[in-house]
Amino acid sequence: GVRAMVERIKGACGNVISPEKLVDAALDAMGAIAVSDDTRSTLVEFASRSKETGGNGTPPDGAADERAGQMLQMVAATAEFQRE
C-alpha cells in the first residue's frame, strides 16, 4: 500500500524532487485528489521547508522516502481528502 505509493511518487519525481512535483505526485498517488489553491499552496510550502538534499542536489539515502511519506500524511490531513 503505502510503500507502493512512496515508490510511485519517487518514480514520478525523478532524482531531484521539487516541492511542486512532490505535491502533485502525492495528490495523484492518493487518488488524483483536487484541492483548493490555498491547500496546494500550504502543501508546497510544507514541502519547501522539509527539503533535504545532498551535495549534488539529490536527496540523501532515505530522505526521498521520508519526504514522500510525510507528504502523503499531509495530503491525508487535508479537508479535501477527508471529504472523499
Protein backbone atom coordinates (compact mmCIF):
# COMPACT_ATOMS: atom_id res chain seq x y z
CA GLY A 1 0.00 0.00 0.00
CA VAL A 2 1.95 2.94 1.34
CA ARG A 3 5.32 1.59 0.18
CA ALA A 4 3.95 1.33 -3.37
CA MET A 5 2.67 4.93 -3.20
CA VAL A 6 6.08 6.16 -1.98
CA GLU A 7 7.79 4.35 -4.85
CA ARG A 8 5.26 5.81 -7.30
CA ILE A 9 5.95 9.33 -6.02
CA LYS A 10 9.70 8.84 -6.28
CA GLY A 11 9.31 7.47 -9.80
CA ALA A 12 7.21 10.44 -10.86
CA CYS A 13 9.63 12.97 -9.39
CA GLY A 14 12.98 11.64 -10.55
CA ASN A 15 16.24 12.28 -8.69
CA VAL A 16 15.58 15.89 -7.69
CA ILE A 17 12.20 16.31 -6.08
CA SER A 18 10.89 19.86 -6.39
CA PRO A 19 8.23 20.85 -3.85
CA GLU A 20 5.64 21.28 -6.62
CA LYS A 21 6.39 17.88 -8.18
CA LEU A 22 6.27 16.24 -4.76
CA VAL A 23 2.82 17.71 -4.02
CA ASP A 24 1.43 16.81 -7.45
CA ALA A 25 2.76 13.25 -7.26
CA ALA A 26 1.39 12.75 -3.73
CA LEU A 27 -2.04 14.08 -4.71
CA ASP A 28 -2.04 11.73 -7.70
CA ALA A 29 -0.91 8.76 -5.60
CA MET A 30 -3.74 9.36 -3.13
CA GLY A 31 -6.34 9.15 -5.90
CA ALA A 32 -5.96 12.28 -8.01
CA ILE A 33 -7.44 14.49 -5.32
CA ALA A 34 -8.45 18.00 -6.36
CA VAL A 35 -7.52 20.55 -3.71
CA SER A 36 -8.10 24.28 -3.40
CA ASP A 37 -5.36 26.73 -4.35
CA ASP A 38 -4.91 27.54 -0.65
CA THR A 39 -4.44 23.87 0.26
CA ARG A 40 -1.99 23.32 -2.60
CA SER A 41 0.00 26.40 -1.54
CA THR A 42 0.16 25.10 2.03
CA LEU A 43 1.35 21.68 0.83
CA VAL A 44 4.01 23.26 -1.42
CA GLU A 45 5.16 25.46 1.47
CA PHE A 46 5.47 22.40 3.73
CA ALA A 47 7.38 20.53 1.02
CA SER A 48 9.72 23.50 0.61
CA ARG A 49 10.52 23.60 4.33
CA SER A 50 11.19 19.88 4.55
CA LYS A 51 13.59 19.85 1.58
CA GLU A 52 16.73 17.85 2.23
CA THR A 53 19.33 17.44 -0.45
CA GLY A 54 22.79 16.05 -0.69
CA GLY A 55 25.73 17.97 -2.09
CA ASN A 56 24.78 17.18 -5.69
CA GLY A 57 21.15 18.33 -5.35
CA THR A 58 19.71 14.85 -4.87
CA PRO A 59 18.19 13.65 -1.62
CA PRO A 60 20.49 11.63 0.64
CA ASP A 61 19.64 7.94 1.08
CA GLY A 62 16.25 7.56 2.73
CA ALA A 63 15.36 11.26 2.56
CA ALA A 64 13.21 10.84 -0.56
CA ASP A 65 11.24 8.06 1.13
CA GLU A 66 10.77 10.19 4.23
CA ARG A 67 9.67 13.27 2.26
CA ALA A 68 7.19 11.23 0.20
CA GLY A 69 5.77 9.62 3.35
CA GLN A 70 5.42 12.98 5.07
CA MET A 71 3.65 14.43 2.06
CA LEU A 72 1.21 11.51 1.96
CA GLN A 73 0.41 12.22 5.62
CA MET A 74 -0.14 15.90 4.86
CA VAL A 75 -2.46 15.10 1.94
CA ALA A 76 -4.43 12.69 4.13
CA ALA A 77 -4.90 15.51 6.65
CA THR A 78 -6.44 17.94 4.14
CA ALA A 79 -10.15 18.76 4.26
CA GLU A 80 -10.45 17.71 0.62
CA PHE A 81 -9.15 14.20 1.35
CA GLN A 82 -11.34 13.87 4.42
CA ARG A 83 -14.42 14.61 2.30
CA GLU A 84 -13.51 11.90 -0.26
